[in-house]
Protein backbone atom coordinates (compact mmCIF):
# COMPACT_ATOMS: atom_id res chain seq x y z
CA MET A 1 -25.26 23.15 -10.72
CA ASP A 2 -27.01 19.83 -10.22
CA ARG A 3 -24.11 17.43 -10.67
CA PRO A 4 -21.11 17.07 -8.36
CA LEU A 5 -17.73 18.19 -9.63
CA LEU A 6 -16.23 14.69 -9.28
CA SER A 7 -17.91 11.32 -9.33
CA LEU A 8 -17.83 9.15 -6.23
CA ARG A 9 -15.47 6.68 -7.89
CA THR A 10 -13.02 9.41 -8.93
CA THR A 11 -13.08 10.90 -5.46
CA LEU A 12 -12.39 7.51 -3.89
CA VAL A 13 -9.49 6.78 -6.26
CA LEU A 14 -7.89 10.17 -5.61
CA LEU A 15 -8.39 9.90 -1.85
CA LEU A 16 -6.80 6.45 -1.72
CA ALA A 17 -3.88 7.66 -3.86
CA LEU A 18 -3.42 10.66 -1.57
CA LEU A 19 -3.40 8.42 1.50
CA ALA A 20 -0.86 6.10 -0.11
CA GLY A 21 1.37 9.04 -1.03
CA VAL A 22 1.22 10.51 2.47
CA ALA A 23 1.99 7.12 4.02
CA VAL A 24 4.99 6.54 1.76
CA GLY A 25 6.26 10.08 2.25
CA GLY A 26 5.89 9.81 6.01
CA LEU A 27 7.63 6.46 6.18
CA THR A 28 10.44 7.76 3.98
CA ALA A 29 10.88 10.75 6.28
CA LEU A 30 10.92 8.48 9.33
CA ALA A 31 13.58 6.36 7.65
CA GLY A 32 15.91 9.33 7.80
CA GLU A 33 15.72 10.66 4.26
CA GLY A 34 15.46 14.40 3.73
CA ALA A 35 12.28 16.31 3.02
CA PRO A 36 12.85 16.56 -0.75
CA ARG A 37 13.35 12.81 -1.13
CA SER A 38 10.36 12.08 1.09
CA LEU A 39 8.21 14.41 -1.00
CA LEU A 40 9.37 12.81 -4.25
CA ALA A 41 8.73 9.31 -2.88
CA GLY A 42 5.23 10.32 -1.78
CA LEU A 43 4.42 11.91 -5.13
CA ALA A 44 5.72 8.87 -7.00
CA ALA A 45 3.65 6.53 -4.84
CA ALA A 46 0.53 8.65 -5.33
CA GLY A 47 1.12 8.72 -9.08
CA LEU A 48 1.43 4.95 -9.23
CA ALA A 49 -1.51 4.42 -6.89
CA VAL A 50 -4.01 6.22 -9.14
CA PRO A 51 -3.99 3.65 -11.98
CA PHE A 52 -3.77 0.80 -9.45
CA PHE A 53 -6.87 1.87 -7.51
CA ASN A 54 -8.63 2.85 -10.72
CA ARG A 55 -8.21 -0.68 -12.09
CA LEU A 56 -9.00 -2.26 -8.73
CA ILE A 57 -12.31 -0.43 -8.36
CA ASP A 58 -13.17 -0.87 -12.06
CA ALA A 59 -12.55 -4.61 -11.86
CA GLU A 60 -15.13 -4.98 -9.08
CA ASP A 61 -17.64 -2.81 -10.92
CA THR A 62 -17.13 -4.60 -14.25
CA GLY A 63 -17.63 -8.00 -12.64
CA ARG A 64 -20.96 -6.92 -11.19
CA ARG A 65 -22.10 -5.46 -14.51
CA GLN A 66 -21.23 -8.63 -16.40
CA ARG A 67 -23.14 -10.80 -13.93
CA ALA A 68 -26.15 -8.48 -14.15
CA ASP A 69 -26.04 -8.63 -17.95
CA VAL A 70 -25.90 -12.43 -17.91
CA GLY A 71 -28.87 -12.55 -15.53
CA ALA A 72 -30.85 -10.20 -17.76
CA ARG A 73 -30.11 -12.31 -20.82
CA GLU A 74 -31.20 -15.50 -19.07
CA GLY A 75 -34.42 -13.78 -17.99
CA GLU A 76 -35.13 -12.76 -21.58
CA ARG A 77 -34.77 -16.35 -22.74
CA ASN A 78 -37.09 -17.64 -20.05
CA GLY A 79 -39.78 -15.02 -20.42
């Protein structure tokens, strides 16, 4: 097996979502809510964090790709 199971970007998005879910769940538990509510709050936060971090990381990557494409096109015109 030459390729990794998950790409670096996917791993980063899932790790950030996991950290967000744990933080929200922990803060909810510290606020005095019960374990079931804390767990549900953490899972909800993790579920909402996945598309957020996915778009956030994709936006940075897309911006770089577009600038590289523009630079390549300008080089083709000049050369």
